[in-house]
Amino acid sequence: MDFPEEERPRERMLLNGPESLSNHELLAILLRTGTRRESVLQLSNRLLNHFEGLRLLKEASAEEMTSISGIGKAKAVQILAALELGRRINRLAYEDRYVIRSPQDGANFVMEEMRFLTQEHFVCLYLNTKNQVIHKQTVFIGSLNASIVHPREVFKEALRRSAASFICMHNHPSGDPSPSKEDIEVTKRLSECGKVLGIELLDHLIIGDQKYVSLKEKGYL
């Protein structure tokens, strides 16, 4: 039996699994229908081309999606809901007291969340005596410099959570995780404060696009 063009991705998914489908075919399943002028596959392809692939689509708002001909509120909401489910599923793996034993563990914990951010986010992971993550806090958003990242904001949460140690991390939106002079200054300042309070700064990770730099491994801690 020949299936209509718009049903073929669904049929192939059932037969071969979702991994057999391209990005625009998966998107077509979410959209369900096309318009009078184009099939759902053509519409999904045009949507992906508009956002230059999944990377920008992932950050798109409902308003940005509905500005595209053929994408109404219902279709935009379906896409946004699917993207949010994906984000939540990705976080599930880390919610059961994730243990950090290495810089790689720390980077893995935040990579998918932080690698696409368009602004710098300064985040602290607070750990117990077993190096389990007990809390994650975004302390600051914006360009990093030593005068803006106040130790009191970092350690207020550490004391509140009775943390034994912490790891700080921030992203470089350029994708290049090379440390700046400001990054090193912030690290030394927080490390010194941690020694006074007895809450050790274990590392400062700079997150790029699928890569990171550990300032501890670089010798700054």
C-alpha atoms as a PDB file:
ATOM      1  CA  MET A   1       0.000   0.000   0.000  1.00  0.00           C
ATOM      2  CA  ASP A   2       1.288   3.495  -0.872  1.00  0.00           C
ATOM      3  CA  PHE A   3       1.060   5.976   1.991  1.00  0.00           C
ATOM      4  CA  PRO A   4       0.454   9.688   1.308  1.00  0.00           C
ATOM      5  CA  GLU A   5       3.691  11.695   1.427  1.00  0.00           C
ATOM      6  CA  GLU A   6       2.851  13.335   4.764  1.00  0.00           C
ATOM      7  CA  GLU A   7       2.281   9.927   6.428  1.00  0.00           C
ATOM      8  CA  ARG A   8       5.537   8.346   5.276  1.00  0.00           C
ATOM      9  CA  PRO A   9       7.686   9.664   8.156  1.00  0.00           C
ATOM     10  CA  ARG A  10       5.196   8.235  10.665  1.00  0.00           C
ATOM     11  CA  GLU A  11       5.163   4.880   8.907  1.00  0.00           C
ATOM     12  CA  ARG A  12       8.973   4.793   8.717  1.00  0.00           C
ATOM     13  CA  MET A  13       9.249   5.670  12.387  1.00  0.00           C
ATOM     14  CA  LEU A  14       6.999   2.755  13.312  1.00  0.00           C
ATOM     15  CA  LEU A  15       8.942   0.376  11.068  1.00  0.00           C
ATOM     16  CA  ASN A  16      12.526   1.548  11.670  1.00  0.00           C
ATOM     17  CA  GLY A  17      12.470   3.695  14.794  1.00  0.00           C
ATOM     18  CA  PRO A  18      12.790   7.481  15.249  1.00  0.00           C
ATOM     19  CA  GLU A  19      16.556   7.460  14.678  1.00  0.00           C
ATOM     20  CA  SER A  20      15.922   6.550  11.025  1.00  0.00           C
ATOM     21  CA  LEU A  21      14.232   9.900  10.348  1.00  0.00           C
ATOM     22  CA  SER A  22      15.884  13.176   9.355  1.00  0.00           C
ATOM     23  CA  ASN A  23      15.349  16.367  11.383  1.00  0.00           C
ATOM     24  CA  HIS A  24      12.764  17.746   8.993  1.00  0.00           C
ATOM     25  CA  GLU A  25      10.850  14.431   8.973  1.00  0.00           C
ATOM     26  CA  LEU A  26      10.680  14.404  12.786  1.00  0.00           C
ATOM     27  CA  LEU A  27       9.502  18.001  12.689  1.00  0.00           C
ATOM     28  CA  ALA A  28       6.883  17.085  10.080  1.00  0.00           C
ATOM     29  CA  ILE A  29       5.421  14.505  12.497  1.00  0.00           C
ATOM     30  CA  LEU A  30       5.029  17.247  15.109  1.00  0.00           C
ATOM     31  CA  LEU A  31       3.458  19.672  12.614  1.00  0.00           C
ATOM     32  CA  ARG A  32       1.101  16.952  11.321  1.00  0.00           C
ATOM     33  CA  THR A  33      -0.317  18.973   8.399  1.00  0.00           C
ATOM     34  CA  GLY A  34       0.979  21.297   5.735  1.00  0.00           C
ATOM     35  CA  THR A  35      -0.855  24.078   3.925  1.00  0.00           C
ATOM     36  CA  ARG A  36      -2.846  24.248   0.695  1.00  0.00           C
ATOM     37  CA  ARG A  37       0.327  25.219  -1.150  1.00  0.00           C
ATOM     38  CA  GLU A  38       2.868  22.822   0.366  1.00  0.00           C
ATOM     39  CA  SER A  39       3.074  19.456   2.066  1.00  0.00           C
ATOM     40  CA  VAL A  40       3.975  19.104   5.734  1.00  0.00           C
ATOM     41  CA  LEU A  41       7.429  17.892   4.702  1.00  0.00           C
ATOM     42  CA  GLN A  42       7.985  21.026   2.628  1.00  0.00           C
ATOM     43  CA  LEU A  43       6.735  23.197   5.493  1.00  0.00           C
ATOM     44  CA  SER A  44       9.014  21.508   8.038  1.00  0.00           C
ATOM     45  CA  ASN A  45      11.969  21.856   5.668  1.00  0.00           C
ATOM     46  CA  ARG A  46      11.254  25.570   5.221  1.00  0.00           C
ATOM     47  CA  LEU A  47      10.940  26.045   8.978  1.00  0.00           C
ATOM     48  CA  LEU A  48      14.317  24.399   9.592  1.00  0.00           C
ATOM     49  CA  ASN A  49      15.942  26.426   6.814  1.00  0.00           C
ATOM     50  CA  HIS A  50      14.560  29.646   8.305  1.00  0.00           C
ATOM     51  CA  PHE A  51      16.243  28.902  11.648  1.00  0.00           C
ATOM     52  CA  GLU A  52      19.342  27.388  10.000  1.00  0.00           C
ATOM     53  CA  GLY A  53      18.746  24.038  11.711  1.00  0.00           C
ATOM     54  CA  LEU A  54      17.887  22.801  15.188  1.00  0.00           C
ATOM     55  CA  ARG A  55      20.358  25.000  17.034  1.00  0.00           C
ATOM     56  CA  LEU A  56      18.428  28.249  16.482  1.00  0.00           C
ATOM     57  CA  LEU A  57      15.012  26.557  16.386  1.00  0.00           C
ATOM     58  CA  LYS A  58      15.745  25.291  19.907  1.00  0.00           C
ATOM     59  CA  GLU A  59      15.838  28.905  21.154  1.00  0.00           C
ATOM     60  CA  ALA A  60      12.967  30.275  19.026  1.00  0.00           C
ATOM     61  CA  SER A  61       9.938  31.892  20.630  1.00  0.00           C
ATOM     62  CA  ALA A  62       6.309  31.320  19.657  1.00  0.00           C
ATOM     63  CA  GLU A  63       6.276  34.783  18.064  1.00  0.00           C
ATOM     64  CA  GLU A  64       9.300  33.970  15.894  1.00  0.00           C
ATOM     65  CA  MET A  65       7.733  30.705  14.749  1.00  0.00           C
ATOM     66  CA  THR A  66       4.309  32.162  13.968  1.00  0.00           C
ATOM     67  CA  SER A  67       5.919  34.875  11.838  1.00  0.00           C
ATOM     68  CA  ILE A  68       6.574  32.097   9.308  1.00  0.00           C
ATOM     69  CA  SER A  69       3.820  31.463   6.792  1.00  0.00           C
ATOM     70  CA  GLY A  70       2.045  28.181   7.550  1.00  0.00           C
ATOM     71  CA  ILE A  71       3.006  28.093  11.242  1.00  0.00           C
ATOM     72  CA  GLY A  72       0.079  29.080  13.449  1.00  0.00           C
ATOM     73  CA  LYS A  73      -0.132  29.171  17.239  1.00  0.00           C
ATOM     74  CA  ALA A  74      -1.102  25.499  17.519  1.00  0.00           C
ATOM     75  CA  LYS A  75       1.907  24.317  15.506  1.00  0.00           C
ATOM     76  CA  ALA A  76       4.272  26.651  17.383  1.00  0.00           C
ATOM     77  CA  VAL A  77       2.987  25.365  20.733  1.00  0.00           C
ATOM     78  CA  GLN A  78       3.473  21.734  19.623  1.00  0.00           C
ATOM     79  CA  ILE A  79       7.101  22.424  18.718  1.00  0.00           C
ATOM     80  CA  LEU A  80       7.791  24.380  21.924  1.00  0.00           C
ATOM     81  CA  ALA A  81       6.259  21.600  24.020  1.00  0.00           C
ATOM     82  CA  ALA A  82       8.421  18.952  22.311  1.00  0.00           C
ATOM     83  CA  LEU A  83      11.580  21.028  22.812  1.00  0.00           C
ATOM     84  CA  GLU A  84      10.804  21.554  26.497  1.00  0.00           C
ATOM     85  CA  LEU A  85      10.159  17.819  26.997  1.00  0.00           C
ATOM     86  CA  GLY A  86      13.551  17.130  25.424  1.00  0.00           C
ATOM     87  CA  ARG A  87      15.230  19.576  27.831  1.00  0.00           C
ATOM     88  CA  ARG A  88      13.492  18.023  30.842  1.00  0.00           C
ATOM     89  CA  ILE A  89      14.382  14.473  29.805  1.00  0.00           C
ATOM     90  CA  ASN A  90      17.999  15.523  29.384  1.00  0.00           C
ATOM     91  CA  ARG A  91      18.010  16.887  32.951  1.00  0.00           C
ATOM     92  CA  LEU A  92      16.504  13.706  34.456  1.00  0.00           C
ATOM     93  CA  ALA A  93      19.800  11.837  34.235  1.00  0.00           C
ATOM     94  CA  TYR A  94      21.365  14.324  36.624  1.00  0.00           C
ATOM     95  CA  GLU A  95      18.679  14.881  39.227  1.00  0.00           C
ATOM     96  CA  ASP A  96      19.399  11.799  41.344  1.00  0.00           C
ATOM     97  CA  ARG A  97      22.284  13.280  43.303  1.00  0.00           C
ATOM     98  CA  TYR A  98      24.802  13.485  40.490  1.00  0.00           C
ATOM     99  CA  VAL A  99      28.372  12.834  41.717  1.00  0.00           C
ATOM    100  CA  ILE A 100      31.241  14.948  40.398  1.00  0.00           C
ATOM    101  CA  ARG A 101      34.567  13.136  40.436  1.00  0.00           C
ATOM    102  CA  SER A 102      36.340  15.037  37.663  1.00  0.00           C
ATOM    103  CA  PRO A 103      36.157  18.229  35.572  1.00  0.00           C
ATOM    104  CA  GLN A 104      34.562  16.138  32.812  1.00  0.00           C
ATOM    105  CA  ASP A 105      31.714  15.171  35.177  1.00  0.00           C
ATOM    106  CA  GLY A 106      31.122  18.843  35.955  1.00  0.00           C
ATOM    107  CA  ALA A 107      31.146  19.820  32.286  1.00  0.00           C
ATOM    108  CA  ASN A 108      28.752  16.986  31.389  1.00  0.00           C
ATOM    109  CA  PHE A 109      26.313  18.193  34.040  1.00  0.00           C
ATOM    110  CA  VAL A 110      25.814  21.604  32.404  1.00  0.00           C
ATOM    111  CA  MET A 111      27.054  21.268  28.809  1.00  0.00           C
ATOM    112  CA  GLU A 112      23.716  20.848  27.023  1.00  0.00           C
ATOM    113  CA  GLU A 113      22.138  23.598  29.104  1.00  0.00           C
ATOM    114  CA  MET A 114      24.963  26.127  28.776  1.00  0.00           C
ATOM    115  CA  ARG A 115      26.650  25.581  25.411  1.00  0.00           C
ATOM    116  CA  PHE A 116      23.994  27.473  23.409  1.00  0.00           C
ATOM    117  CA  LEU A 117      23.454  30.403  25.794  1.00  0.00           C
ATOM    118  CA  THR A 118      23.870  33.757  24.070  1.00  0.00           C
ATOM    119  CA  GLN A 119      24.880  35.581  27.269  1.00  0.00           C
ATOM    120  CA  GLU A 120      27.450  34.612  29.872  1.00  0.00           C
ATOM    121  CA  HIS A 121      25.899  32.784  32.830  1.00  0.00           C
ATOM    122  CA  PHE A 122      27.898  32.291  36.043  1.00  0.00           C
ATOM    123  CA  VAL A 123      26.651  29.130  37.741  1.00  0.00           C
ATOM    124  CA  CYS A 124      27.655  27.399  40.980  1.00  0.00           C
ATOM    125  CA  LEU A 125      27.238  23.730  41.801  1.00  0.00           C
ATOM    126  CA  TYR A 126      27.152  23.120  45.543  1.00  0.00           C
ATOM    127  CA  LEU A 127      28.356  19.717  46.743  1.00  0.00           C
ATOM    128  CA  ASN A 128      28.099  17.684  49.926  1.00  0.00           C
ATOM    129  CA  THR A 129      30.960  15.729  51.541  1.00  0.00           C
ATOM    130  CA  LYS A 130      30.446  12.899  49.007  1.00  0.00           C
ATOM    131  CA  ASN A 131      30.829  15.312  46.053  1.00  0.00           C
ATOM    132  CA  GLN A 132      27.144  14.922  45.216  1.00  0.00           C
ATOM    133  CA  VAL A 133      25.390  17.937  43.713  1.00  0.00           C
ATOM    134  CA  ILE A 134      22.927  19.283  46.263  1.00  0.00           C
ATOM    135  CA  HIS A 135      22.054  22.506  44.466  1.00  0.00           C
ATOM    136  CA  LYS A 136      22.702  24.447  41.258  1.00  0.00           C
ATOM    137  CA  GLN A 137      22.416  28.238  41.294  1.00  0.00           C
ATOM    138  CA  THR A 138      22.786  30.828  38.534  1.00  0.00           C
ATOM    139  CA  VAL A 139      24.567  33.607  40.403  1.00  0.00           C
ATOM    140  CA  PHE A 140      25.042  36.155  37.654  1.00  0.00           C
ATOM    141  CA  ILE A 141      24.173  36.777  33.983  1.00  0.00           C
ATOM    142  CA  GLY A 142      26.342  39.108  31.903  1.00  0.00           C
ATOM    143  CA  SER A 143      29.983  39.793  31.109  1.00  0.00           C
ATOM    144  CA  LEU A 144      32.242  38.434  33.802  1.00  0.00           C
ATOM    145  CA  ASN A 145      34.552  40.606  35.842  1.00  0.00           C
ATOM    146  CA  ALA A 146      35.940  40.333  39.324  1.00  0.00           C
ATOM    147  CA  SER A 147      34.011  43.326  40.697  1.00  0.00           C
ATOM    148  CA  ILE A 148      30.602  42.047  39.565  1.00  0.00           C
ATOM    149  CA  VAL A 149      30.723  38.420  40.794  1.00  0.00           C
ATOM    150  CA  HIS A 150      30.357  39.084  44.520  1.00  0.00           C
ATOM    151  CA  PRO A 151      31.643  36.319  46.802  1.00  0.00           C
ATOM    152  CA  ARG A 152      28.749  37.042  49.177  1.00  0.00           C
ATOM    153  CA  GLU A 153      26.246  35.875  46.532  1.00  0.00           C
ATOM    154  CA  VAL A 154      28.229  32.698  45.906  1.00  0.00           C
ATOM    155  CA  PHE A 155      28.772  31.828  49.576  1.00  0.00           C
ATOM    156  CA  LYS A 156      25.326  32.868  50.794  1.00  0.00           C
ATOM    157  CA  GLU A 157      23.876  29.876  48.936  1.00  0.00           C
ATOM    158  CA  ALA A 158      26.744  27.609  50.017  1.00  0.00           C
ATOM    159  CA  LEU A 159      26.083  28.401  53.696  1.00  0.00           C
ATOM    160  CA  ARG A 160      22.332  28.074  53.248  1.00  0.00           C
ATOM    161  CA  ARG A 161      22.751  24.592  51.746  1.00  0.00           C
ATOM    162  CA  SER A 162      25.494  23.542  54.195  1.00  0.00           C
ATOM    163  CA  ALA A 163      27.720  22.787  51.211  1.00  0.00           C
ATOM    164  CA  ALA A 164      31.125  21.220  51.832  1.00  0.00           C
ATOM    165  CA  SER A 165      32.558  22.517  48.555  1.00  0.00           C
ATOM    166  CA  PHE A 166      31.486  24.040  45.268  1.00  0.00           C
ATOM    167  CA  ILE A 167      32.372  24.299  41.604  1.00  0.00           C
ATOM    168  CA  CYS A 168      31.778  27.470  39.647  1.00  0.00           C
ATOM    169  CA  MET A 169      31.352  27.550  35.901  1.00  0.00           C
ATOM    170  CA  HIS A 170      30.443  30.000  33.219  1.00  0.00           C
ATOM    171  CA  ASN A 171      29.972  29.836  29.472  1.00  0.00           C
ATOM    172  CA  HIS A 172      31.699  31.708  26.674  1.00  0.00           C
ATOM    173  CA  PRO A 173      29.011  32.384  24.020  1.00  0.00           C
ATOM    174  CA  SER A 174      31.751  32.469  21.360  1.00  0.00           C
ATOM    175  CA  GLY A 175      32.173  28.716  21.902  1.00  0.00           C
ATOM    176  CA  ASP A 176      35.872  29.180  22.768  1.00  0.00           C
ATOM    177  CA  PRO A 177      36.487  28.277  26.441  1.00  0.00           C
ATOM    178  CA  SER A 178      39.942  29.877  26.700  1.00  0.00           C
ATOM    179  CA  PRO A 179      40.199  31.661  30.092  1.00  0.00           C
ATOM    180  CA  SER A 180      40.485  35.447  30.236  1.00  0.00           C
ATOM    181  CA  LYS A 181      42.360  37.523  32.815  1.00  0.00           C
ATOM    182  CA  GLU A 182      39.002  38.274  34.492  1.00  0.00           C
ATOM    183  CA  ASP A 183      38.180  34.537  34.689  1.00  0.00           C
ATOM    184  CA  ILE A 184      41.445  33.900  36.521  1.00  0.00           C
ATOM    185  CA  GLU A 185      40.931  36.851  38.884  1.00  0.00           C
ATOM    186  CA  VAL A 186      37.415  35.710  39.822  1.00  0.00           C
ATOM    187  CA  THR A 187      38.713  32.182  40.462  1.00  0.00           C
ATOM    188  CA  LYS A 188      41.486  33.337  42.797  1.00  0.00           C
ATOM    189  CA  ARG A 189      39.153  35.659  44.683  1.00  0.00           C
ATOM    190  CA  LEU A 190      36.525  32.962  45.272  1.00  0.00           C
ATOM    191  CA  SER A 191      39.190  30.407  46.214  1.00  0.00           C
ATOM    192  CA  GLU A 192      40.623  32.752  48.874  1.00  0.00           C
ATOM    193  CA  CYS A 193      37.170  33.439  50.327  1.00  0.00           C
ATOM    194  CA  GLY A 194      36.408  29.715  50.359  1.00  0.00           C
ATOM    195  CA  LYS A 195      39.523  28.992  52.399  1.00  0.00           C
ATOM    196  CA  VAL A 196      38.455  31.533  55.015  1.00  0.00           C
ATOM    197  CA  LEU A 197      34.947  30.047  55.261  1.00  0.00           C
ATOM    198  CA  GLY A 198      36.019  26.408  55.001  1.00  0.00           C
ATOM    199  CA  ILE A 199      34.053  25.828  51.791  1.00  0.00           C
ATOM    200  CA  GLU A 200      36.512  24.743  49.135  1.00  0.00           C
ATOM    201  CA  LEU A 201      36.330  25.902  45.533  1.00  0.00           C
ATOM    202  CA  LEU A 202      37.108  22.625  43.721  1.00  0.00           C
ATOM    203  CA  ASP A 203      37.257  24.038  40.196  1.00  0.00           C
ATOM    204  CA  HIS A 204      36.150  26.761  37.821  1.00  0.00           C
ATOM    205  CA  LEU A 205      35.019  25.393  34.473  1.00  0.00           C
ATOM    206  CA  ILE A 206      34.631  27.521  31.371  1.00  0.00           C
ATOM    207  CA  ILE A 207      32.057  26.021  29.020  1.00  0.00           C
ATOM    208  CA  GLY A 208      32.362  26.361  25.258  1.00  0.00           C
ATOM    209  CA  ASP A 209      30.555  24.516  22.479  1.00  0.00           C
ATOM    210  CA  GLN A 210      31.103  20.834  23.304  1.00  0.00           C
ATOM    211  CA  LYS A 211      34.417  21.690  24.986  1.00  0.00           C
ATOM    212  CA  TYR A 212      35.522  23.146  28.277  1.00  0.00           C
ATOM    213  CA  VAL A 213      38.562  24.344  30.200  1.00  0.00           C
ATOM    214  CA  SER A 214      39.259  23.467  33.868  1.00  0.00           C
ATOM    215  CA  LEU A 215      41.139  26.246  35.649  1.00  0.00           C
ATOM    216  CA  LYS A 216      42.261  23.679  38.224  1.00  0.00           C
ATOM    217  CA  GLU A 217      43.858  21.579  35.494  1.00  0.00           C
ATOM    218  CA  LYS A 218      45.458  24.761  34.129  1.00  0.00           C
ATOM    219  CA  GLY A 219      47.101  25.362  37.517  1.00  0.00           C
ATOM    220  CA  TYR A 220      45.102  28.386  38.683  1.00  0.00           C
ATOM    221  CA  LEU A 221      43.714  26.564  41.724  1.00  0.00           C
END
